[in-house]
Amino acid sequence: MFWPSADVRRLQEQEANVEFKFVLVGLLDTLHRAILLIDERLTSHLNEVKEVLTHHFAAIFDNQAGLNSTLLARASPPSGGDASSDSNERKLVEFYFAEIHPVVCKAFPEDEGEKKNDHHDDENLSPESSATAELRDRRSGIWVALVFRMFAWLVLHDFNPDDVMLDRSEFKNSSLPVYIW
């Protein structure tokens, strides 16, 4: 079997690193352009973004117990295994889309004044239901854009891999003194 010499392997490794960096820079540039487009869209609808954020935080506060139980269930894995951060992140994303997203996107009583009286050819949809669906779709788009923006921010910022977030359970009933300066 032919094995390349150490010099050839080193040259191949350098070429692979250059190609990887070139592709990575291209992907990061594409991600950056996507974020700029999303920012442009979000800034053109600031009042709706504020409304979505208000409903988002209200939903987070209302579902805090469920969120805590989801995260605590992942912090103590069954059968003595190690809970990976990927599964924790996946559970958090699943919780956000299953519990928070529907609450943020649903119609609220204060939306009654915003409904349009447009007449549509579709006989199955009343003007109120089409206006509500349009409002729900706009809120959903804004919420998904904000969540995408959040994940993109995390990807684009280089965090020290040695930084570890300690679980709350490690501080619970701790007798360590806390000094506030």
N, C-alpha and C. Protein backbone atom coordinates (compact mmCIF):
# COMPACT_ATOMS: atom_id res chain seq x y z
N MET A 1 0.85 -1.17 0.00
CA MET A 1 0.00 0.00 0.00
C MET A 1 0.89 1.23 0.00
N PHE A 2 0.46 2.25 -0.71
CA PHE A 2 1.25 3.47 -0.83
C PHE A 2 0.85 4.46 0.24
N TRP A 3 1.78 4.89 1.02
CA TRP A 3 1.56 5.94 2.00
C TRP A 3 2.38 7.15 1.59
N PRO A 4 1.76 8.32 1.49
CA PRO A 4 2.53 9.51 1.10
C PRO A 4 3.55 9.87 2.18
N SER A 5 4.58 10.51 1.74
CA SER A 5 5.62 10.92 2.68
C SER A 5 5.07 11.99 3.63
N ALA A 6 5.82 12.26 4.66
CA ALA A 6 5.39 13.25 5.65
C ALA A 6 5.23 14.63 5.00
N ASP A 7 6.12 14.97 4.07
CA ASP A 7 6.02 16.27 3.39
C ASP A 7 4.74 16.36 2.55
N VAL A 8 4.40 15.29 1.87
CA VAL A 8 3.20 15.27 1.03
C VAL A 8 1.96 15.35 1.92
N ARG A 9 1.95 14.62 3.02
CA ARG A 9 0.81 14.67 3.96
C ARG A 9 0.65 16.07 4.54
N ARG A 10 1.77 16.71 4.90
CA ARG A 10 1.72 18.05 5.45
C ARG A 10 1.18 19.03 4.40
N LEU A 11 1.61 18.90 3.15
CA LEU A 11 1.13 19.75 2.07
C LEU A 11 -0.37 19.53 1.82
N GLN A 12 -0.82 18.28 1.84
CA GLN A 12 -2.24 17.97 1.67
C GLN A 12 -3.07 18.56 2.82
N GLU A 13 -2.53 18.49 4.02
CA GLU A 13 -3.22 19.04 5.17
C GLU A 13 -3.34 20.56 5.06
N GLN A 14 -2.28 21.22 4.62
CA GLN A 14 -2.32 22.67 4.45
C GLN A 14 -3.33 23.07 3.37
N GLU A 15 -3.35 22.31 2.26
CA GLU A 15 -4.31 22.59 1.20
C GLU A 15 -5.75 22.41 1.69
N ALA A 16 -5.97 21.36 2.47
CA ALA A 16 -7.30 21.11 3.02
C ALA A 16 -7.71 22.22 3.97
N ASN A 17 -6.78 22.71 4.79
CA ASN A 17 -7.08 23.81 5.71
C ASN A 17 -7.42 25.09 4.95
N VAL A 18 -6.69 25.38 3.89
CA VAL A 18 -6.96 26.57 3.09
C VAL A 18 -8.35 26.45 2.44
N GLU A 19 -8.65 25.27 1.89
CA GLU A 19 -9.95 25.07 1.26
C GLU A 19 -11.08 25.18 2.29
N PHE A 20 -10.86 24.58 3.48
CA PHE A 20 -11.86 24.65 4.54
C PHE A 20 -12.11 26.10 4.94
N LYS A 21 -11.04 26.87 5.13
CA LYS A 21 -11.20 28.27 5.52
C LYS A 21 -11.91 29.07 4.43
N PHE A 22 -11.61 28.77 3.17
CA PHE A 22 -12.26 29.46 2.06
C PHE A 22 -13.76 29.17 2.05
N VAL A 23 -14.13 27.90 2.21
CA VAL A 23 -15.54 27.52 2.23
C VAL A 23 -16.22 28.10 3.46
N LEU A 24 -15.55 28.05 4.62
CA LEU A 24 -16.12 28.57 5.85
C LEU A 24 -16.39 30.07 5.74
N VAL A 25 -15.44 30.80 5.17
CA VAL A 25 -15.62 32.25 5.00
C VAL A 25 -16.81 32.51 4.08
N GLY A 26 -16.96 31.71 3.03
CA GLY A 26 -18.10 31.87 2.14
C GLY A 26 -19.42 31.62 2.85
N LEU A 27 -19.46 30.57 3.68
CA LEU A 27 -20.68 30.28 4.44
C LEU A 27 -20.99 31.38 5.45
N LEU A 28 -19.96 31.86 6.12
CA LEU A 28 -20.17 32.93 7.09
C LEU A 28 -20.62 34.22 6.41
N ASP A 29 -20.07 34.50 5.23
CA ASP A 29 -20.52 35.68 4.48
C ASP A 29 -21.99 35.55 4.08
N THR A 30 -22.39 34.35 3.66
CA THR A 30 -23.79 34.12 3.30
C THR A 30 -24.69 34.29 4.51
N LEU A 31 -24.26 33.76 5.65
CA LEU A 31 -25.02 33.91 6.88
C LEU A 31 -25.12 35.38 7.27
N HIS A 32 -24.03 36.11 7.12
CA HIS A 32 -24.03 37.54 7.45
C HIS A 32 -24.99 38.30 6.55
N ARG A 33 -25.01 37.98 5.25
CA ARG A 33 -25.94 38.65 4.33
C ARG A 33 -27.39 38.32 4.71
N ALA A 34 -27.65 37.08 5.10
CA ALA A 34 -29.01 36.70 5.51
C ALA A 34 -29.43 37.49 6.75
N ILE A 35 -28.51 37.66 7.68
CA ILE A 35 -28.82 38.43 8.89
C ILE A 35 -29.09 39.89 8.54
N LEU A 36 -28.32 40.45 7.62
CA LEU A 36 -28.55 41.83 7.21
C LEU A 36 -29.94 42.00 6.57
N LEU A 37 -30.34 41.02 5.74
CA LEU A 37 -31.67 41.08 5.13
C LEU A 37 -32.77 40.98 6.19
N ILE A 38 -32.57 40.09 7.15
CA ILE A 38 -33.55 39.94 8.23
C ILE A 38 -33.61 41.22 9.06
N ASP A 39 -32.46 41.79 9.38
CA ASP A 39 -32.43 43.04 10.15
C ASP A 39 -33.17 44.16 9.41
N GLU A 40 -32.96 44.23 8.11
CA GLU A 40 -33.62 45.25 7.31
C GLU A 40 -35.14 45.07 7.37
N ARG A 41 -35.57 43.83 7.25
CA ARG A 41 -37.01 43.54 7.30
C ARG A 41 -37.58 43.83 8.69
N LEU A 42 -36.85 43.43 9.73
CA LEU A 42 -37.35 43.64 11.10
C LEU A 42 -37.41 45.12 11.46
N THR A 43 -36.42 45.89 11.04
CA THR A 43 -36.41 47.32 11.37
C THR A 43 -37.50 48.08 10.62
N SER A 44 -37.98 47.51 9.51
CA SER A 44 -39.07 48.18 8.79
C SER A 44 -40.42 47.91 9.44
N HIS A 45 -40.48 47.00 10.40
CA HIS A 45 -41.73 46.66 11.10
C HIS A 45 -41.51 46.69 12.61
N LEU A 46 -40.94 47.76 13.12
CA LEU A 46 -40.56 47.81 14.53
C LEU A 46 -41.74 47.63 15.48
N ASN A 47 -42.89 48.22 15.17
CA ASN A 47 -44.03 48.09 16.08
C ASN A 47 -44.48 46.63 16.19
N GLU A 48 -44.51 45.92 15.06
CA GLU A 48 -44.88 44.51 15.11
C GLU A 48 -43.83 43.68 15.83
N VAL A 49 -42.55 44.03 15.64
CA VAL A 49 -41.48 43.31 16.34
C VAL A 49 -41.63 43.50 17.85
N LYS A 50 -41.92 44.73 18.27
CA LYS A 50 -42.12 44.98 19.71
C LYS A 50 -43.29 44.17 20.24
N GLU A 51 -44.35 44.10 19.46
CA GLU A 51 -45.52 43.32 19.87
C GLU A 51 -45.18 41.84 19.99
N VAL A 52 -44.44 41.31 19.02
CA VAL A 52 -44.04 39.90 19.07
C VAL A 52 -43.14 39.65 20.27
N LEU A 53 -42.20 40.55 20.52
CA LEU A 53 -41.32 40.38 21.68
C LEU A 53 -42.11 40.43 22.99
N THR A 54 -43.10 41.32 23.06
CA THR A 54 -43.93 41.40 24.26
C THR A 54 -44.65 40.08 24.51
N HIS A 55 -45.26 39.53 23.45
CA HIS A 55 -45.95 38.25 23.60
C HIS A 55 -44.97 37.11 23.85
N HIS A 56 -43.78 37.20 23.28
CA HIS A 56 -42.76 36.17 23.49
C HIS A 56 -42.35 36.12 24.97
N PHE A 57 -42.03 37.28 25.53
CA PHE A 57 -41.61 37.29 26.94
C PHE A 57 -42.75 36.90 27.86
N ALA A 58 -43.97 37.32 27.53
CA ALA A 58 -45.12 36.89 28.34
C ALA A 58 -45.28 35.38 28.29
N ALA A 59 -45.11 34.79 27.11
CA ALA A 59 -45.22 33.34 26.98
C ALA A 59 -44.10 32.63 27.74
N ILE A 60 -42.89 33.20 27.71
CA ILE A 60 -41.77 32.61 28.46
C ILE A 60 -42.09 32.63 29.95
N PHE A 61 -42.56 33.77 30.46
CA PHE A 61 -42.88 33.86 31.88
C PHE A 61 -44.03 32.93 32.27
N ASP A 62 -45.04 32.84 31.40
CA ASP A 62 -46.18 31.97 31.69
C ASP A 62 -45.80 30.49 31.66
N ASN A 63 -44.82 30.14 30.85
CA ASN A 63 -44.40 28.75 30.71
C ASN A 63 -43.09 28.44 31.42
N GLN A 64 -42.72 29.27 32.38
CA GLN A 64 -41.43 29.10 33.06
C GLN A 64 -41.33 27.74 33.76
N ALA A 65 -42.41 27.30 34.39
CA ALA A 65 -42.38 26.01 35.08
C ALA A 65 -42.13 24.87 34.09
N GLY A 66 -42.80 24.90 32.96
CA GLY A 66 -42.59 23.87 31.94
C GLY A 66 -41.19 23.91 31.37
N LEU A 67 -40.67 25.12 31.16
CA LEU A 67 -39.31 25.26 30.66
C LEU A 67 -38.30 24.73 31.66
N ASN A 68 -38.49 25.07 32.94
CA ASN A 68 -37.58 24.57 33.97
C ASN A 68 -37.62 23.05 34.06
N SER A 69 -38.82 22.46 34.01
CA SER A 69 -38.91 21.01 34.11
C SER A 69 -38.28 20.34 32.90
N THR A 70 -38.42 20.95 31.72
CA THR A 70 -37.78 20.41 30.52
C THR A 70 -36.27 20.43 30.65
N LEU A 71 -35.74 21.55 31.12
CA LEU A 71 -34.29 21.67 31.26
C LEU A 71 -33.76 20.79 32.39
N LEU A 72 -34.49 20.70 33.50
CA LEU A 72 -34.04 19.85 34.60
C LEU A 72 -34.11 18.38 34.23
N ALA A 73 -35.10 18.00 33.45
CA ALA A 73 -35.20 16.61 33.00
C ALA A 73 -34.01 16.26 32.13
N ARG A 74 -33.51 17.22 31.39
CA ARG A 74 -32.34 16.96 30.53
C ARG A 74 -31.05 17.04 31.33
N ALA A 75 -31.06 17.78 32.46
CA ALA A 75 -29.84 17.92 33.25
C ALA A 75 -29.52 16.64 34.00
N SER A 76 -30.53 15.86 34.34
CA SER A 76 -30.30 14.60 35.04
C SER A 76 -30.76 13.45 34.16
N PRO A 77 -29.87 12.96 33.28
CA PRO A 77 -30.27 11.94 32.33
C PRO A 77 -30.54 10.60 33.00
N PRO A 78 -31.46 9.82 32.44
CA PRO A 78 -31.72 8.50 33.01
C PRO A 78 -30.56 7.56 32.79
N SER A 79 -30.50 6.53 33.58
CA SER A 79 -29.49 5.46 33.51
C SER A 79 -28.07 5.95 33.64
N GLY A 80 -27.86 7.04 34.33
CA GLY A 80 -26.51 7.49 34.64
C GLY A 80 -25.70 7.98 33.46
N GLY A 81 -26.34 8.19 32.30
CA GLY A 81 -25.62 8.68 31.14
C GLY A 81 -25.31 10.15 31.27
N ASP A 82 -24.55 10.66 30.32
CA ASP A 82 -24.18 12.07 30.33
C ASP A 82 -25.10 12.83 29.38
N ALA A 83 -25.73 13.89 29.87
CA ALA A 83 -26.61 14.70 29.02
C ALA A 83 -25.75 15.57 28.13
N SER A 84 -25.88 15.39 26.83
CA SER A 84 -25.08 16.18 25.92
C SER A 84 -25.73 17.54 25.72
N SER A 85 -24.91 18.53 25.41
CA SER A 85 -25.44 19.87 25.19
C SER A 85 -26.30 19.90 23.94
N ASP A 86 -26.01 19.02 22.96
CA ASP A 86 -26.83 18.97 21.76
C ASP A 86 -28.26 18.58 22.09
N SER A 87 -28.44 17.58 22.95
CA SER A 87 -29.80 17.17 23.29
C SER A 87 -30.49 18.24 24.13
N ASN A 88 -29.75 18.94 24.97
CA ASN A 88 -30.33 20.05 25.73
C ASN A 88 -30.80 21.15 24.81
N GLU A 89 -29.97 21.50 23.84
CA GLU A 89 -30.34 22.54 22.88
C GLU A 89 -31.53 22.10 22.05
N ARG A 90 -31.54 20.83 21.64
CA ARG A 90 -32.65 20.32 20.85
C ARG A 90 -33.95 20.39 21.65
N LYS A 91 -33.91 19.99 22.92
CA LYS A 91 -35.10 20.05 23.76
C LYS A 91 -35.57 21.50 23.94
N LEU A 92 -34.64 22.41 24.09
CA LEU A 92 -35.00 23.83 24.24
C LEU A 92 -35.67 24.36 22.96
N VAL A 93 -35.11 24.01 21.82
CA VAL A 93 -35.70 24.45 20.54
C VAL A 93 -37.08 23.82 20.37
N GLU A 94 -37.20 22.53 20.69
CA GLU A 94 -38.51 21.87 20.60
C GLU A 94 -39.52 22.55 21.52
N PHE A 95 -39.10 22.90 22.72
CA PHE A 95 -39.99 23.58 23.66
C PHE A 95 -40.42 24.93 23.10
N TYR A 96 -39.46 25.69 22.57
CA TYR A 96 -39.78 27.01 22.02
C TYR A 96 -40.81 26.89 20.90
N PHE A 97 -40.60 25.94 19.97
CA PHE A 97 -41.51 25.84 18.84
C PHE A 97 -42.84 25.20 19.22
N ALA A 98 -42.86 24.32 20.21
CA ALA A 98 -44.10 23.66 20.62
C ALA A 98 -44.93 24.52 21.57
N GLU A 99 -44.28 25.23 22.48
CA GLU A 99 -45.01 25.95 23.53
C GLU A 99 -45.05 27.47 23.34
N ILE A 100 -43.96 28.06 22.93
CA ILE A 100 -43.87 29.53 22.86
C ILE A 100 -44.40 30.05 21.53
N HIS A 101 -43.99 29.44 20.44
CA HIS A 101 -44.38 29.91 19.11
C HIS A 101 -45.90 29.99 18.93
N PRO A 102 -46.68 28.96 19.29
CA PRO A 102 -48.14 29.08 19.11
C PRO A 102 -48.76 30.21 19.93
N VAL A 103 -48.24 30.45 21.12
CA VAL A 103 -48.79 31.52 21.96
C VAL A 103 -48.49 32.88 21.36
N VAL A 104 -47.30 33.05 20.85
CA VAL A 104 -46.91 34.33 20.27
C VAL A 104 -47.72 34.63 19.01
N CYS A 105 -48.04 33.60 18.24
CA CYS A 105 -48.69 33.81 16.94
C CYS A 105 -50.21 33.85 16.99
N LYS A 106 -50.81 33.45 18.08
CA LYS A 106 -52.27 33.43 18.11
C LYS A 106 -52.83 34.85 18.17
N ALA A 107 -54.11 34.97 17.85
CA ALA A 107 -54.78 36.27 17.89
C ALA A 107 -55.12 36.62 19.33
N PHE A 108 -55.00 37.88 19.66
CA PHE A 108 -55.31 38.38 21.00
C PHE A 108 -56.47 39.35 20.91
N PRO A 109 -57.19 39.57 22.01
CA PRO A 109 -58.34 40.49 21.97
C PRO A 109 -58.01 41.88 21.42
N GLU A 110 -56.82 42.37 21.70
CA GLU A 110 -56.47 43.70 21.20
C GLU A 110 -56.28 43.74 19.69
N ASP A 111 -56.24 42.56 19.05
CA ASP A 111 -56.09 42.50 17.60
C ASP A 111 -57.40 42.77 16.88
N GLU A 112 -58.53 42.77 17.58
CA GLU A 112 -59.83 42.95 16.94
C GLU A 112 -59.89 44.25 16.16
N GLY A 113 -59.27 45.30 16.65
CA GLY A 113 -59.29 46.58 15.97
C GLY A 113 -58.44 46.61 14.73
N GLU A 114 -57.50 45.66 14.60
CA GLU A 114 -56.59 45.66 13.46
C GLU A 114 -57.11 44.84 12.29
N LYS A 115 -58.20 44.12 12.48
CA LYS A 115 -58.70 43.26 11.41
C LYS A 115 -59.20 44.12 10.26
N LYS A 116 -58.93 43.64 9.05
CA LYS A 116 -59.33 44.36 7.86
C LYS A 116 -60.68 43.85 7.38
N ASN A 117 -61.38 44.68 6.69
CA ASN A 117 -62.68 44.30 6.15
C ASN A 117 -62.58 44.05 4.65
N ASP A 118 -61.48 43.47 4.21
CA ASP A 118 -61.30 43.14 2.80
C ASP A 118 -62.27 42.03 2.42
N HIS A 119 -62.76 42.08 1.20
CA HIS A 119 -63.62 41.01 0.71
C HIS A 119 -62.80 40.12 -0.20
N HIS A 120 -62.88 38.82 0.05
CA HIS A 120 -62.10 37.85 -0.71
C HIS A 120 -63.05 36.98 -1.53
N ASP A 121 -62.54 36.43 -2.61
CA ASP A 121 -63.34 35.55 -3.45
C ASP A 121 -63.55 34.19 -2.81
N ASP A 122 -62.67 33.80 -1.92
CA ASP A 122 -62.78 32.50 -1.26
C ASP A 122 -63.96 32.53 -0.30
N GLU A 123 -64.96 31.70 -0.56
CA GLU A 123 -66.16 31.71 0.26
C GLU A 123 -65.94 31.05 1.61
N ASN A 124 -64.91 30.21 1.73
CA ASN A 124 -64.67 29.51 2.99
C ASN A 124 -64.05 30.41 4.05
N LEU A 125 -63.42 31.49 3.64
CA LEU A 125 -62.75 32.37 4.59
C LEU A 125 -63.54 33.66 4.73
N SER A 126 -63.91 33.99 5.94
CA SER A 126 -64.53 35.27 6.18
C SER A 126 -63.44 36.32 6.23
N PRO A 127 -63.79 37.61 6.09
CA PRO A 127 -62.76 38.65 6.17
C PRO A 127 -62.02 38.61 7.50
N GLU A 128 -62.72 38.27 8.59
CA GLU A 128 -62.07 38.22 9.90
C GLU A 128 -61.05 37.09 9.97
N SER A 129 -61.40 35.93 9.45
CA SER A 129 -60.47 34.81 9.55
C SER A 129 -59.26 35.01 8.65
N SER A 130 -59.42 35.64 7.49
CA SER A 130 -58.26 35.89 6.62
C SER A 130 -57.35 36.94 7.24
N ALA A 131 -57.95 37.96 7.89
CA ALA A 131 -57.13 38.97 8.56
C ALA A 131 -56.39 38.36 9.75
N THR A 132 -57.06 37.47 10.47
CA THR A 132 -56.42 36.80 11.60
C THR A 132 -55.30 35.90 11.12
N ALA A 133 -55.54 35.18 10.02
CA ALA A 133 -54.49 34.31 9.46
C ALA A 133 -53.30 35.14 8.99
N GLU A 134 -53.57 36.27 8.38
CA GLU A 134 -52.48 37.14 7.92
C GLU A 134 -51.67 37.68 9.11
N LEU A 135 -52.36 38.08 10.16
CA LEU A 135 -51.69 38.56 11.37
C LEU A 135 -50.85 37.45 12.00
N ARG A 136 -51.42 36.25 12.07
CA ARG A 136 -50.70 35.11 12.64
C ARG A 136 -49.45 34.80 11.81
N ASP A 137 -49.57 34.85 10.49
CA ASP A 137 -48.43 34.58 9.62
C ASP A 137 -47.34 35.64 9.78
N ARG A 138 -47.74 36.91 9.90
CA ARG A 138 -46.74 37.97 10.11
C ARG A 138 -46.01 37.78 11.43
N ARG A 139 -46.77 37.49 12.49
CA ARG A 139 -46.15 37.26 13.80
C ARG A 139 -45.22 36.06 13.75
N SER A 140 -45.67 35.01 13.09
CA SER A 140 -44.84 33.80 12.99
C SER A 140 -43.54 34.11 12.25
N GLY A 141 -43.63 34.84 11.15
CA GLY A 141 -42.42 35.20 10.40
C GLY A 141 -41.46 36.03 11.22
N ILE A 142 -41.99 36.98 11.96
CA ILE A 142 -41.14 37.83 12.81
C ILE A 142 -40.51 37.00 13.91
N TRP A 143 -41.29 36.13 14.55
CA TRP A 143 -40.76 35.32 15.65
C TRP A 143 -39.67 34.38 15.15
N VAL A 144 -39.92 33.71 14.02
CA VAL A 144 -38.91 32.79 13.46
C VAL A 144 -37.65 33.57 13.07
N ALA A 145 -37.82 34.76 12.51
CA ALA A 145 -36.66 35.58 12.14
C ALA A 145 -35.85 35.95 13.38
N LEU A 146 -36.54 36.29 14.47
CA LEU A 146 -35.82 36.64 15.71
C LEU A 146 -35.10 35.43 16.30
N VAL A 147 -35.74 34.26 16.24
CA VAL A 147 -35.09 33.04 16.75
C VAL A 147 -33.89 32.68 15.87
N PHE A 148 -34.05 32.80 14.55
CA PHE A 148 -32.92 32.57 13.63
C PHE A 148 -31.79 33.54 13.95
N ARG A 149 -32.14 34.78 14.18
CA ARG A 149 -31.15 35.82 14.50
C ARG A 149 -30.39 35.45 15.77
N MET A 150 -31.12 34.92 16.76
CA MET A 150 -30.50 34.52 18.03
C MET A 150 -29.50 33.39 17.79
N PHE A 151 -29.92 32.35 17.05
CA PHE A 151 -29.02 31.23 16.80
C PHE A 151 -27.82 31.65 15.95
N ALA A 152 -28.05 32.52 14.97
CA ALA A 152 -26.95 33.00 14.13
C ALA A 152 -25.95 33.78 14.96
N TRP A 153 -26.43 34.57 15.90
CA TRP A 153 -25.53 35.33 16.76
C TRP A 153 -24.63 34.37 17.54
N LEU A 154 -25.23 33.30 18.04
CA LEU A 154 -24.44 32.33 18.80
C LEU A 154 -23.41 31.64 17.92
N VAL A 155 -23.76 31.38 16.66
CA VAL A 155 -22.83 30.72 15.75
C VAL A 155 -21.69 31.65 15.36
N LEU A 156 -22.01 32.92 15.15
CA LEU A 156 -21.01 33.86 14.63
C LEU A 156 -20.04 34.36 15.69
N HIS A 157 -20.36 34.17 16.96
CA HIS A 157 -19.47 34.63 18.01
C HIS A 157 -18.64 33.47 18.52
N ASP A 158 -17.37 33.71 18.60
CA ASP A 158 -16.43 32.66 18.98
C ASP A 158 -16.32 32.64 20.50
N PHE A 159 -16.92 31.64 21.11
CA PHE A 159 -16.86 31.50 22.55
C PHE A 159 -15.72 30.58 22.93
N ASN A 160 -15.16 30.82 24.09
CA ASN A 160 -14.10 29.98 24.59
C ASN A 160 -14.69 28.61 24.94
N PRO A 161 -14.19 27.53 24.34
CA PRO A 161 -14.76 26.21 24.62
C PRO A 161 -14.56 25.76 26.07
N ASP A 162 -13.65 26.41 26.78
CA ASP A 162 -13.43 26.05 28.19
C ASP A 162 -14.46 26.70 29.11
N ASP A 163 -15.23 27.67 28.59
CA ASP A 163 -16.30 28.27 29.39
C ASP A 163 -17.41 27.24 29.56
N VAL A 164 -17.77 26.99 30.80
CA VAL A 164 -18.79 25.99 31.09
C VAL A 164 -19.87 26.65 31.93
N MET A 165 -21.11 26.47 31.52
CA MET A 165 -22.22 26.99 32.31
C MET A 165 -22.58 25.94 33.35
N LEU A 166 -22.50 26.34 34.60
CA LEU A 166 -22.83 25.42 35.67
C LEU A 166 -24.33 25.36 35.85
N ASP A 167 -24.85 24.16 36.03
CA ASP A 167 -26.28 23.99 36.25
C ASP A 167 -26.67 24.63 37.58
N ARG A 168 -27.92 25.07 37.63
CA ARG A 168 -28.42 25.67 38.86
C ARG A 168 -28.35 24.70 40.02
N SER A 169 -28.53 23.42 39.74
CA SER A 169 -28.56 22.43 40.80
C SER A 169 -27.23 22.37 41.56
N GLU A 170 -26.15 22.78 40.91
CA GLU A 170 -24.86 22.76 41.58
C GLU A 170 -24.75 23.87 42.62
N PHE A 171 -25.59 24.91 42.50
CA PHE A 171 -25.56 26.00 43.46
C PHE A 171 -26.63 25.85 44.54
N LYS A 172 -27.59 24.99 44.30
CA LYS A 172 -28.71 24.84 45.22
C LYS A 172 -28.20 24.30 46.56
N ASN A 173 -28.64 24.92 47.63
CA ASN A 173 -28.26 24.55 48.99
C ASN A 173 -26.75 24.63 49.22
N SER A 174 -26.08 25.47 48.47
CA SER A 174 -24.65 25.62 48.63
C SER A 174 -24.36 26.53 49.82
N SER A 175 -23.31 26.19 50.54
CA SER A 175 -22.95 27.01 51.70
C SER A 175 -21.79 27.96 51.38
N LEU A 176 -21.46 28.08 50.09
CA LEU A 176 -20.39 28.99 49.70
C LEU A 176 -20.82 30.43 49.94
N PRO A 177 -19.96 31.24 50.54
CA PRO A 177 -20.33 32.64 50.76
C PRO A 177 -20.33 33.42 49.44
N VAL A 178 -21.21 34.39 49.36
CA VAL A 178 -21.30 35.26 48.21
C VAL A 178 -20.97 36.67 48.66
N TYR A 179 -20.00 37.29 48.01
CA TYR A 179 -19.60 38.63 48.37
C TYR A 179 -20.02 39.58 47.26
N ILE A 180 -20.69 40.65 47.63
CA ILE A 180 -21.11 41.65 46.68
C ILE A 180 -20.33 42.92 46.98
N TRP A 181 -19.63 43.41 46.00
CA TRP A 181 -18.79 44.60 46.20
C TRP A 181 -19.55 45.84 45.88
